[in-house]
Amino acid sequence: YKGKELGDMLRECDIYISASRYDSCPMHILEGISCGLPILYLDHSGGVKDICEIGDKIGESFTSLEECIEKIQTIKTNYQTYYNNIVKNIDRYNSNQCYSNFAKLFLSLK
């Protein structure tokens, strides 16, 4: 899937689950968020954790299968809060803005 077809498919889902590790720029997470999906993600270093822990809570992390199952229930119970936080802060998850901010940060390091 790609483009509109991917977006249409994602919007049929309730939660976006990622077990990505060490992914520095996880576009799949931004695609899930752009479709209004709360994120359930592996608590590991990398961009997924960084993106999901900016400001208001948009999902939950997990470290084991048992915890993953528990966190699905947590998201189900608090679904509207996660969704509202995504909608309220959707500009934070714009990939063009992410790239621009990264470039500015990178250039400021010289």
PDB file of N, CA and C in Angstrom:
ATOM      1  N   TYR A   1       0.837  -1.179   0.000  1.00  0.00           N
ATOM      2  CA  TYR A   1       0.000   0.000   0.000  1.00  0.00           C
ATOM      3  C   TYR A   1       0.879   1.239   0.000  1.00  0.00           C
ATOM      4  N   LYS A   2       0.345   2.325  -0.574  1.00  0.00           N
ATOM      5  CA  LYS A   2       1.036   3.601  -0.524  1.00  0.00           C
ATOM      6  C   LYS A   2       0.032   4.719  -0.721  1.00  0.00           C
ATOM      7  N   GLY A   3       0.436   5.917  -0.356  1.00  0.00           N
ATOM      8  CA  GLY A   3      -0.390   7.092  -0.570  1.00  0.00           C
ATOM      9  C   GLY A   3      -1.760   7.005   0.071  1.00  0.00           C
ATOM     10  N   LYS A   4      -2.757   7.462  -0.677  1.00  0.00           N
ATOM     11  CA  LYS A   4      -4.136   7.494  -0.180  1.00  0.00           C
ATOM     12  C   LYS A   4      -4.626   6.106   0.200  1.00  0.00           C
ATOM     13  N   GLU A   5      -4.243   5.100  -0.558  1.00  0.00           N
ATOM     14  CA  GLU A   5      -4.654   3.729  -0.265  1.00  0.00           C
ATOM     15  C   GLU A   5      -4.158   3.294   1.118  1.00  0.00           C
ATOM     16  N   LEU A   6      -2.921   3.644   1.444  1.00  0.00           N
ATOM     17  CA  LEU A   6      -2.381   3.323   2.762  1.00  0.00           C
ATOM     18  C   LEU A   6      -3.141   4.068   3.854  1.00  0.00           C
ATOM     19  N   GLY A   7      -3.378   5.366   3.636  1.00  0.00           N
ATOM     20  CA  GLY A   7      -4.128   6.154   4.609  1.00  0.00           C
ATOM     21  C   GLY A   7      -5.519   5.607   4.842  1.00  0.00           C
ATOM     22  N   ASP A   8      -6.190   5.220   3.773  1.00  0.00           N
ATOM     23  CA  ASP A   8      -7.529   4.648   3.898  1.00  0.00           C
ATOM     24  C   ASP A   8      -7.494   3.354   4.716  1.00  0.00           C
ATOM     25  N   MET A   9      -6.480   2.528   4.470  1.00  0.00           N
ATOM     26  CA  MET A   9      -6.364   1.272   5.205  1.00  0.00           C
ATOM     27  C   MET A   9      -6.083   1.536   6.692  1.00  0.00           C
ATOM     28  N   LEU A  10      -5.172   2.463   6.973  1.00  0.00           N
ATOM     29  CA  LEU A  10      -4.839   2.762   8.368  1.00  0.00           C
ATOM     30  C   LEU A  10      -6.038   3.327   9.119  1.00  0.00           C
ATOM     31  N   ARG A  11      -6.841   4.153   8.463  1.00  0.00           N
ATOM     32  CA  ARG A  11      -8.007   4.743   9.129  1.00  0.00           C
ATOM     33  C   ARG A  11      -9.062   3.708   9.494  1.00  0.00           C
ATOM     34  N   GLU A  12      -8.962   2.512   8.961  1.00  0.00           N
ATOM     35  CA  GLU A  12      -9.867   1.432   9.348  1.00  0.00           C
ATOM     36  C   GLU A  12      -9.418   0.764  10.650  1.00  0.00           C
ATOM     37  N   CYS A  13      -8.226   1.099  11.127  1.00  0.00           N
ATOM     38  CA  CYS A  13      -7.660   0.490  12.345  1.00  0.00           C
ATOM     39  C   CYS A  13      -8.002   1.332  13.572  1.00  0.00           C
ATOM     40  N   ASP A  14      -7.766   0.776  14.740  1.00  0.00           N
ATOM     41  CA  ASP A  14      -8.012   1.484  15.999  1.00  0.00           C
ATOM     42  C   ASP A  14      -6.720   1.893  16.699  1.00  0.00           C
ATOM     43  N   ILE A  15      -5.662   1.105  16.543  1.00  0.00           N
ATOM     44  CA  ILE A  15      -4.380   1.342  17.208  1.00  0.00           C
ATOM     45  C   ILE A  15      -3.280   1.022  16.205  1.00  0.00           C
ATOM     46  N   TYR A  16      -2.187   1.773  16.283  1.00  0.00           N
ATOM     47  CA  TYR A  16      -1.006   1.442  15.479  1.00  0.00           C
ATOM     48  C   TYR A  16       0.030   0.833  16.420  1.00  0.00           C
ATOM     49  N   ILE A  17       0.441  -0.385  16.137  1.00  0.00           N
ATOM     50  CA  ILE A  17       1.409  -1.088  16.982  1.00  0.00           C
ATOM     51  C   ILE A  17       2.739  -1.170  16.251  1.00  0.00           C
ATOM     52  N   SER A  18       3.802  -0.771  16.951  1.00  0.00           N
ATOM     53  CA  SER A  18       5.142  -0.821  16.373  1.00  0.00           C
ATOM     54  C   SER A  18       6.092  -1.529  17.327  1.00  0.00           C
ATOM     55  N   ALA A  19       6.860  -2.438  16.781  1.00  0.00           N
ATOM     56  CA  ALA A  19       7.912  -3.103  17.551  1.00  0.00           C
ATOM     57  C   ALA A  19       9.272  -2.701  16.996  1.00  0.00           C
ATOM     58  N   SER A  20       9.338  -1.537  16.388  1.00  0.00           N
ATOM     59  CA  SER A  20      10.560  -1.032  15.779  1.00  0.00           C
ATOM     60  C   SER A  20      11.618  -0.744  16.853  1.00  0.00           C
ATOM     61  N   ARG A  21      12.864  -1.109  16.537  1.00  0.00           N
ATOM     62  CA  ARG A  21      13.991  -0.825  17.430  1.00  0.00           C
ATOM     63  C   ARG A  21      15.032  -0.010  16.680  1.00  0.00           C
ATOM     64  N   TYR A  22      15.609   0.960  17.364  1.00  0.00           N
ATOM     65  CA  TYR A  22      16.706   1.756  16.818  1.00  0.00           C
ATOM     66  C   TYR A  22      16.364   2.453  15.505  1.00  0.00           C
ATOM     67  N   ASP A  23      15.116   2.710  15.245  1.00  0.00           N
ATOM     68  CA  ASP A  23      14.694   3.379  14.016  1.00  0.00           C
ATOM     69  C   ASP A  23      14.776   4.881  14.266  1.00  0.00           C
ATOM     70  N   SER A  24      15.715   5.541  13.623  1.00  0.00           N
ATOM     71  CA  SER A  24      15.944   6.956  13.926  1.00  0.00           C
ATOM     72  C   SER A  24      14.865   7.879  13.371  1.00  0.00           C
ATOM     73  N   CYS A  25      14.237   7.512  12.273  1.00  0.00           N
ATOM     74  CA  CYS A  25      13.197   8.365  11.681  1.00  0.00           C
ATOM     75  C   CYS A  25      12.042   7.488  11.201  1.00  0.00           C
ATOM     76  N   PRO A  26      11.212   7.040  12.124  1.00  0.00           N
ATOM     77  CA  PRO A  26      10.154   6.069  11.791  1.00  0.00           C
ATOM     78  C   PRO A  26       8.951   6.700  11.107  1.00  0.00           C
ATOM     79  N   MET A  27       8.993   6.736   9.798  1.00  0.00           N
ATOM     80  CA  MET A  27       7.880   7.320   9.043  1.00  0.00           C
ATOM     81  C   MET A  27       6.567   6.583   9.294  1.00  0.00           C
ATOM     82  N   HIS A  28       6.653   5.279   9.556  1.00  0.00           N
ATOM     83  CA  HIS A  28       5.428   4.515   9.788  1.00  0.00           C
ATOM     84  C   HIS A  28       4.667   5.047  11.002  1.00  0.00           C
ATOM     85  N   ILE A  29       5.373   5.526  11.995  1.00  0.00           N
ATOM     86  CA  ILE A  29       4.729   6.103  13.179  1.00  0.00           C
ATOM     87  C   ILE A  29       4.017   7.403  12.803  1.00  0.00           C
ATOM     88  N   LEU A  30       4.689   8.254  12.025  1.00  0.00           N
ATOM     89  CA  LEU A  30       4.067   9.506  11.595  1.00  0.00           C
ATOM     90  C   LEU A  30       2.827   9.238  10.732  1.00  0.00           C
ATOM     91  N   GLU A  31       2.871   8.179   9.924  1.00  0.00           N
ATOM     92  CA  GLU A  31       1.705   7.823   9.109  1.00  0.00           C
ATOM     93  C   GLU A  31       0.540   7.386  10.000  1.00  0.00           C
ATOM     94  N   GLY A  32       0.832   6.584  11.018  1.00  0.00           N
ATOM     95  CA  GLY A  32      -0.216   6.159  11.945  1.00  0.00           C
ATOM     96  C   GLY A  32      -0.827   7.339  12.687  1.00  0.00           C
ATOM     97  N   ILE A  33       0.040   8.214  13.183  1.00  0.00           N
ATOM     98  CA  ILE A  33      -0.431   9.405  13.903  1.00  0.00           C
ATOM     99  C   ILE A  33      -1.259  10.288  12.978  1.00  0.00           C
ATOM    100  N   SER A  34      -0.805  10.462  11.741  1.00  0.00           N
ATOM    101  CA  SER A  34      -1.534  11.296  10.781  1.00  0.00           C
ATOM    102  C   SER A  34      -2.942  10.789  10.523  1.00  0.00           C
ATOM    103  N   CYS A  35      -3.161   9.506  10.762  1.00  0.00           N
ATOM    104  CA  CYS A  35      -4.493   8.907  10.608  1.00  0.00           C
ATOM    105  C   CYS A  35      -5.267   8.915  11.924  1.00  0.00           C
ATOM    106  N   GLY A  36      -4.709   9.563  12.954  1.00  0.00           N
ATOM    107  CA  GLY A  36      -5.405   9.689  14.232  1.00  0.00           C
ATOM    108  C   GLY A  36      -5.316   8.467  15.120  1.00  0.00           C
ATOM    109  N   LEU A  37      -4.351   7.585  14.860  1.00  0.00           N
ATOM    110  CA  LEU A  37      -4.262   6.343  15.624  1.00  0.00           C
ATOM    111  C   LEU A  37      -3.347   6.471  16.842  1.00  0.00           C
ATOM    112  N   PRO A  38      -3.832   6.120  18.019  1.00  0.00           N
ATOM    113  CA  PRO A  38      -2.937   6.020  19.171  1.00  0.00           C
ATOM    114  C   PRO A  38      -1.851   4.988  18.866  1.00  0.00           C
ATOM    115  N   ILE A  39      -0.666   5.232  19.384  1.00  0.00           N
ATOM    116  CA  ILE A  39       0.484   4.386  19.083  1.00  0.00           C
ATOM    117  C   ILE A  39       0.808   3.497  20.284  1.00  0.00           C
ATOM    118  N   LEU A  40       1.001   2.223  20.020  1.00  0.00           N
ATOM    119  CA  LEU A  40       1.491   1.263  21.009  1.00  0.00           C
ATOM    120  C   LEU A  40       2.873   0.859  20.508  1.00  0.00           C
ATOM    121  N   TYR A  41       3.911   1.180  21.273  1.00  0.00           N
ATOM    122  CA  TYR A  41       5.266   1.035  20.761  1.00  0.00           C
ATOM    123  C   TYR A  41       6.196   0.349  21.753  1.00  0.00           C
ATOM    124  N   LEU A  42       7.167  -0.328  21.192  1.00  0.00           N
ATOM    125  CA  LEU A  42       8.184  -1.008  21.984  1.00  0.00           C
ATOM    126  C   LEU A  42       9.026   0.032  22.696  1.00  0.00           C
ATOM    127  N   ASP A  43       9.151  -0.096  24.003  1.00  0.00           N
ATOM    128  CA  ASP A  43       9.926   0.842  24.809  1.00  0.00           C
ATOM    129  C   ASP A  43      11.404   0.551  24.579  1.00  0.00           C
ATOM    130  N   HIS A  44      11.959   1.215  23.581  1.00  0.00           N
ATOM    131  CA  HIS A  44      13.328   0.981  23.165  1.00  0.00           C
ATOM    132  C   HIS A  44      13.888   2.300  22.664  1.00  0.00           C
ATOM    133  N   SER A  45      15.173   2.405  22.562  1.00  0.00           N
ATOM    134  CA  SER A  45      15.739   3.653  22.069  1.00  0.00           C
ATOM    135  C   SER A  45      15.436   3.820  20.587  1.00  0.00           C
ATOM    136  N   GLY A  46      15.382   5.052  20.173  1.00  0.00           N
ATOM    137  CA  GLY A  46      15.105   5.354  18.778  1.00  0.00           C
ATOM    138  C   GLY A  46      14.027   6.402  18.637  1.00  0.00           C
ATOM    139  N   GLY A  47      13.718   6.701  17.402  1.00  0.00           N
ATOM    140  CA  GLY A  47      12.797   7.780  17.099  1.00  0.00           C
ATOM    141  C   GLY A  47      11.365   7.548  17.510  1.00  0.00           C
ATOM    142  N   VAL A  48      10.921   6.295  17.555  1.00  0.00           N
ATOM    143  CA  VAL A  48       9.534   6.016  17.940  1.00  0.00           C
ATOM    144  C   VAL A  48       9.267   6.569  19.332  1.00  0.00           C
ATOM    145  N   LYS A  49      10.127   6.237  20.255  1.00  0.00           N
ATOM    146  CA  LYS A  49       9.972   6.708  21.634  1.00  0.00           C
ATOM    147  C   LYS A  49      10.039   8.240  21.680  1.00  0.00           C
ATOM    148  N   ASP A  50      10.984   8.817  20.941  1.00  0.00           N
ATOM    149  CA  ASP A  50      11.117  10.275  20.923  1.00  0.00           C
ATOM    150  C   ASP A  50       9.852  10.944  20.411  1.00  0.00           C
ATOM    151  N   ILE A  51       9.312  10.450  19.320  1.00  0.00           N
ATOM    152  CA  ILE A  51       8.104  11.037  18.739  1.00  0.00           C
ATOM    153  C   ILE A  51       6.908  10.871  19.673  1.00  0.00           C
ATOM    154  N   CYS A  52       6.754   9.696  20.229  1.00  0.00           N
ATOM    155  CA  CYS A  52       5.566   9.406  21.042  1.00  0.00           C
ATOM    156  C   CYS A  52       5.596  10.047  22.422  1.00  0.00           C
ATOM    157  N   GLU A  53       6.748  10.530  22.831  1.00  0.00           N
ATOM    158  CA  GLU A  53       6.827  11.136  24.153  1.00  0.00           C
ATOM    159  C   GLU A  53       7.027  12.644  24.113  1.00  0.00           C
ATOM    160  N   ILE A  54       6.703  13.262  22.965  1.00  0.00           N
ATOM    161  CA  ILE A  54       6.727  14.725  22.864  1.00  0.00           C
ATOM    162  C   ILE A  54       5.416  15.233  23.435  1.00  0.00           C
ATOM    163  N   GLY A  55       5.466  15.926  24.532  1.00  0.00           N
ATOM    164  CA  GLY A  55       4.253  16.568  25.052  1.00  0.00           C
ATOM    165  C   GLY A  55       3.156  15.620  25.470  1.00  0.00           C
ATOM    166  N   ASP A  56       1.937  15.920  25.026  1.00  0.00           N
ATOM    167  CA  ASP A  56       0.745  15.169  25.423  1.00  0.00           C
ATOM    168  C   ASP A  56       0.812  13.710  24.997  1.00  0.00           C
ATOM    169  N   LYS A  57       0.301  12.847  25.828  1.00  0.00           N
ATOM    170  CA  LYS A  57       0.350  11.398  25.613  1.00  0.00           C
ATOM    171  C   LYS A  57      -0.492  10.988  24.402  1.00  0.00           C
ATOM    172  N   ILE A  58       0.151  10.273  23.462  1.00  0.00           N
ATOM    173  CA  ILE A  58      -0.554   9.815  22.257  1.00  0.00           C
ATOM    174  C   ILE A  58      -0.546   8.294  22.152  1.00  0.00           C
ATOM    175  N   GLY A  59      -0.088   7.630  23.190  1.00  0.00           N
ATOM    176  CA  GLY A  59      -0.047   6.174  23.161  1.00  0.00           C
ATOM    177  C   GLY A  59       0.657   5.625  24.383  1.00  0.00           C
ATOM    178  N   GLU A  60       1.046   4.369  24.280  1.00  0.00           N
ATOM    179  CA  GLU A  60       1.677   3.665  25.392  1.00  0.00           C
ATOM    180  C   GLU A  60       2.861   2.848  24.880  1.00  0.00           C
ATOM    181  N   SER A  61       3.817   2.616  25.769  1.00  0.00           N
ATOM    182  CA  SER A  61       4.958   1.765  25.435  1.00  0.00           C
ATOM    183  C   SER A  61       4.799   0.415  26.125  1.00  0.00           C
ATOM    184  N   PHE A  62       5.508  -0.578  25.589  1.00  0.00           N
ATOM    185  CA  PHE A  62       5.491  -1.905  26.197  1.00  0.00           C
ATOM    186  C   PHE A  62       6.868  -2.536  26.090  1.00  0.00           C
ATOM    187  N   THR A  63       7.141  -3.492  26.982  1.00  0.00           N
ATOM    188  CA  THR A  63       8.432  -4.185  26.968  1.00  0.00           C
ATOM    189  C   THR A  63       8.283  -5.694  26.802  1.00  0.00           C
ATOM    190  N   SER A  64       7.062  -6.192  26.916  1.00  0.00           N
ATOM    191  CA  SER A  64       6.825  -7.637  26.802  1.00  0.00           C
ATOM    192  C   SER A  64       5.452  -7.866  26.180  1.00  0.00           C
ATOM    193  N   LEU A  65       5.208  -9.077  25.752  1.00  0.00           N
ATOM    194  CA  LEU A  65       3.904  -9.414  25.178  1.00  0.00           C
ATOM    195  C   LEU A  65       2.789  -9.196  26.198  1.00  0.00           C
ATOM    196  N   GLU A  66       3.032  -9.599  27.430  1.00  0.00           N
ATOM    197  CA  GLU A  66       2.012  -9.430  28.475  1.00  0.00           C
ATOM    198  C   GLU A  66       1.690  -7.950  28.674  1.00  0.00           C
ATOM    199  N   GLU A  67       2.729  -7.129  28.713  1.00  0.00           N
ATOM    200  CA  GLU A  67       2.511  -5.702  28.899  1.00  0.00           C
ATOM    201  C   GLU A  67       1.833  -5.096  27.663  1.00  0.00           C
ATOM    202  N   CYS A  68       2.156  -5.587  26.486  1.00  0.00           N
ATOM    203  CA  CYS A  68       1.523  -5.123  25.256  1.00  0.00           C
ATOM    204  C   CYS A  68       0.008  -5.329  25.349  1.00  0.00           C
ATOM    205  N   ILE A  69      -0.395  -6.488  25.786  1.00  0.00           N
ATOM    206  CA  ILE A  69      -1.820  -6.803  25.917  1.00  0.00           C
ATOM    207  C   ILE A  69      -2.482  -5.881  26.942  1.00  0.00           C
ATOM    208  N   GLU A  70      -1.806  -5.636  28.061  1.00  0.00           N
ATOM    209  CA  GLU A  70      -2.335  -4.721  29.085  1.00  0.00           C
ATOM    210  C   GLU A  70      -2.491  -3.312  28.519  1.00  0.00           C
ATOM    211  N   LYS A  71      -1.495  -2.865  27.743  1.00  0.00           N
ATOM    212  CA  LYS A  71      -1.518  -1.506  27.211  1.00  0.00           C
ATOM    213  C   LYS A  71      -2.583  -1.343  26.122  1.00  0.00           C
ATOM    214  N   ILE A  72      -2.918  -2.407  25.418  1.00  0.00           N
ATOM    215  CA  ILE A  72      -4.029  -2.327  24.468  1.00  0.00           C
ATOM    216  C   ILE A  72      -5.305  -1.972  25.225  1.00  0.00           C
ATOM    217  N   GLN A  73      -5.499  -2.588  26.378  1.00  0.00           N
ATOM    218  CA  GLN A  73      -6.673  -2.281  27.200  1.00  0.00           C
ATOM    219  C   GLN A  73      -6.620  -0.836  27.707  1.00  0.00           C
ATOM    220  N   THR A  74      -5.432  -0.376  28.101  1.00  0.00           N
ATOM    221  CA  THR A  74      -5.275   1.009  28.560  1.00  0.00           C
ATOM    222  C   THR A  74      -5.665   1.973  27.449  1.00  0.00           C
ATOM    223  N   ILE A  75      -5.189   1.704  26.239  1.00  0.00           N
ATOM    224  CA  ILE A  75      -5.530   2.576  25.113  1.00  0.00           C
ATOM    225  C   ILE A  75      -7.029   2.517  24.840  1.00  0.00           C
ATOM    226  N   LYS A  76      -7.600   1.335  24.889  1.00  0.00           N
ATOM    227  CA  LYS A  76      -9.046   1.192  24.666  1.00  0.00           C
ATOM    228  C   LYS A  76      -9.825   2.039  25.671  1.00  0.00           C
ATOM    229  N   THR A  77      -9.438   1.972  26.930  1.00  0.00           N
ATOM    230  CA  THR A  77     -10.117   2.711  27.996  1.00  0.00           C
ATOM    231  C   THR A  77      -9.979   4.221  27.831  1.00  0.00           C
ATOM    232  N   ASN A  78      -8.820   4.671  27.356  1.00  0.00           N
ATOM    233  CA  ASN A  78      -8.527   6.112  27.260  1.00  0.00           C
ATOM    234  C   ASN A  78      -8.448   6.596  25.817  1.00  0.00           C
ATOM    235  N   TYR A  79      -9.099   5.881  24.926  1.00  0.00           N
ATOM    236  CA  TYR A  79      -8.956   6.131  23.495  1.00  0.00           C
ATOM    237  C   TYR A  79      -9.209   7.590  23.122  1.00  0.00           C
ATOM    238  N   GLN A  80     -10.276   8.166  23.615  1.00  0.00           N
ATOM    239  CA  GLN A  80     -10.635   9.533  23.222  1.00  0.00           C
ATOM    240  C   GLN A  80      -9.564  10.531  23.642  1.00  0.00           C
ATOM    241  N   THR A  81      -8.932  10.317  24.790  1.00  0.00           N
ATOM    242  CA  THR A  81      -7.867  11.213  25.243  1.00  0.00           C
ATOM    243  C   THR A  81      -6.683  11.167  24.289  1.00  0.00           C
ATOM    244  N   TYR A  82      -6.247   9.963  23.915  1.00  0.00           N
ATOM    245  CA  TYR A  82      -5.127   9.847  22.975  1.00  0.00           C
ATOM    246  C   TYR A  82      -5.482  10.506  21.639  1.00  0.00           C
ATOM    247  N   TYR A  83      -6.671  10.215  21.144  1.00  0.00           N
ATOM    248  CA  TYR A  83      -7.102  10.777  19.864  1.00  0.00           C
ATOM    249  C   TYR A  83      -7.129  12.305  19.932  1.00  0.00           C
ATOM    250  N   ASN A  84      -7.709  12.844  20.988  1.00  0.00           N
ATOM    251  CA  ASN A  84      -7.775  14.298  21.140  1.00  0.00           C
ATOM    252  C   ASN A  84      -6.383  14.917  21.198  1.00  0.00           C
ATOM    253  N   ASN A  85      -5.456  14.262  21.889  1.00  0.00           N
ATOM    254  CA  ASN A  85      -4.082  14.772  21.969  1.00  0.00           C
ATOM    255  C   ASN A  85      -3.408  14.770  20.600  1.00  0.00           C
ATOM    256  N   ILE A  86      -3.690  13.759  19.800  1.00  0.00           N
ATOM    257  CA  ILE A  86      -3.139  13.713  18.442  1.00  0.00           C
ATOM    258  C   ILE A  86      -3.698  14.864  17.620  1.00  0.00           C
ATOM    259  N   VAL A  87      -5.004  15.018  17.627  1.00  0.00           N
ATOM    260  CA  VAL A  87      -5.649  16.068  16.825  1.00  0.00           C
ATOM    261  C   VAL A  87      -5.172  17.447  17.264  1.00  0.00           C
ATOM    262  N   LYS A  88      -5.101  17.659  18.577  1.00  0.00           N
ATOM    263  CA  LYS A  88      -4.707  18.960  19.119  1.00  0.00           C
ATOM    264  C   LYS A  88      -3.279  19.323  18.711  1.00  0.00           C
ATOM    265  N   ASN A  89      -2.409  18.340  18.588  1.00  0.00           N
ATOM    266  CA  ASN A  89      -0.991  18.593  18.335  1.00  0.00           C
ATOM    267  C   ASN A  89      -0.522  18.048  16.986  1.00  0.00           C
ATOM    268  N   ILE A  90      -1.420  17.885  16.032  1.00  0.00           N
ATOM    269  CA  ILE A  90      -1.073  17.212  14.775  1.00  0.00           C
ATOM    270  C   ILE A  90       0.094  17.890  14.057  1.00  0.00           C
ATOM    271  N   ASP A  91       0.275  19.193  14.215  1.00  0.00           N
ATOM    272  CA  ASP A  91       1.385  19.875  13.552  1.00  0.00           C
ATOM    273  C   ASP A  91       2.742  19.370  14.030  1.00  0.00           C
ATOM    274  N   ARG A  92       2.834  18.850  15.239  1.00  0.00           N
ATOM    275  CA  ARG A  92       4.100  18.300  15.743  1.00  0.00           C
ATOM    276  C   ARG A  92       4.560  17.089  14.941  1.00  0.00           C
ATOM    277  N   TYR A  93       3.621  16.415  14.312  1.00  0.00           N
ATOM    278  CA  TYR A  93       3.924  15.149  13.653  1.00  0.00           C
ATOM    279  C   TYR A  93       3.980  15.274  12.138  1.00  0.00           C
ATOM    280  N   ASN A  94       4.088  16.486  11.642  1.00  0.00           N
ATOM    281  CA  ASN A  94       4.205  16.740  10.218  1.00  0.00           C
ATOM    282  C   ASN A  94       5.633  16.417   9.787  1.00  0.00           C
ATOM    283  N   SER A  95       5.800  15.502   8.842  1.00  0.00           N
ATOM    284  CA  SER A  95       7.143  15.059   8.455  1.00  0.00           C
ATOM    285  C   SER A  95       7.977  16.202   7.887  1.00  0.00           C
ATOM    286  N   ASN A  96       7.369  17.107   7.130  1.00  0.00           N
ATOM    287  CA  ASN A  96       8.139  18.233   6.593  1.00  0.00           C
ATOM    288  C   ASN A  96       8.669  19.111   7.716  1.00  0.00           C
ATOM    289  N   GLN A  97       7.850  19.314   8.739  1.00  0.00           N
ATOM    290  CA  GLN A  97       8.292  20.106   9.881  1.00  0.00           C
ATOM    291  C   GLN A  97       9.400  19.374  10.632  1.00  0.00           C
ATOM    292  N   CYS A  98       9.270  18.064  10.776  1.00  0.00           N
ATOM    293  CA  CYS A  98      10.314  17.272  11.442  1.00  0.00           C
ATOM    294  C   CYS A  98      11.641  17.413  10.713  1.00  0.00           C
ATOM    295  N   TYR A  99      11.609  17.284   9.381  1.00  0.00           N
ATOM    296  CA  TYR A  99      12.843  17.395   8.598  1.00  0.00           C
ATOM    297  C   TYR A  99      13.444  18.780   8.729  1.00  0.00           C
ATOM    298  N   SER A 100      12.595  19.795   8.668  1.00  0.00           N
ATOM    299  CA  SER A 100      13.068  21.171   8.776  1.00  0.00           C
ATOM    300  C   SER A 100      13.712  21.423  10.135  1.00  0.00           C
ATOM    301  N   ASN A 101      13.054  20.959  11.208  1.00  0.00           N
ATOM    302  CA  ASN A 101      13.624  21.142  12.552  1.00  0.00           C
ATOM    303  C   ASN A 101      14.931  20.388  12.705  1.00  0.00           C
ATOM    304  N   PHE A 102      15.014  19.186  12.132  1.00  0.00           N
ATOM    305  CA  PHE A 102      16.253  18.412  12.200  1.00  0.00           C
ATOM    306  C   PHE A 102      17.376  19.144  11.472  1.00  0.00           C
ATOM    307  N   ALA A 103      17.079  19.657  10.294  1.00  0.00           N
ATOM    308  CA  ALA A 103      18.102  20.381   9.521  1.00  0.00           C
ATOM    309  C   ALA A 103      18.582  21.613  10.283  1.00  0.00           C
ATOM    310  N   LYS A 104      17.655  22.362  10.876  1.00  0.00           N
ATOM    311  CA  LYS A 104      18.040  23.540  11.663  1.00  0.00           C
ATOM    312  C   LYS A 104      18.934  23.152  12.833  1.00  0.00           C
ATOM    313  N   LEU A 105      18.568  22.089  13.531  1.00  0.00           N
ATOM    314  CA  LEU A 105      19.370  21.626  14.657  1.00  0.00           C
ATOM    315  C   LEU A 105      20.755  21.204  14.182  1.00  0.00           C
ATOM    316  N   PHE A 106      20.815  20.414  13.131  1.00  0.00           N
ATOM    317  CA  PHE A 106      22.072  19.933  12.580  1.00  0.00           C
ATOM    318  C   PHE A 106      22.986  21.093  12.191  1.00  0.00           C
ATOM    319  N   LEU A 107      22.424  22.084  11.494  1.00  0.00           N
ATOM    320  CA  LEU A 107      23.222  23.233  11.059  1.00  0.00           C
ATOM    321  C   LEU A 107      23.676  24.104  12.221  1.00  0.00           C
ATOM    322  N   SER A 108      22.916  24.110  13.304  1.00  0.00           N
ATOM    323  CA  SER A 108      23.300  24.909  14.468  1.00  0.00           C
ATOM    324  C   SER A 108      24.469  24.299  15.243  1.00  0.00           C
ATOM    325  N   LEU A 109      24.805  23.056  14.964  1.00  0.00           N
ATOM    326  CA  LEU A 109      25.871  22.363  15.686  1.00  0.00           C
ATOM    327  C   LEU A 109      27.267  22.688  15.183  1.00  0.00           C
ATOM    328  N   LYS A 110      27.370  23.351  14.030  1.00  0.00           N
ATOM    329  CA  LYS A 110      28.701  23.616  13.472  1.00  0.00           C
ATOM    330  C   LYS A 110      29.490  24.632  14.229  1.00  0.00           C
TER     331      LYS A 110
END
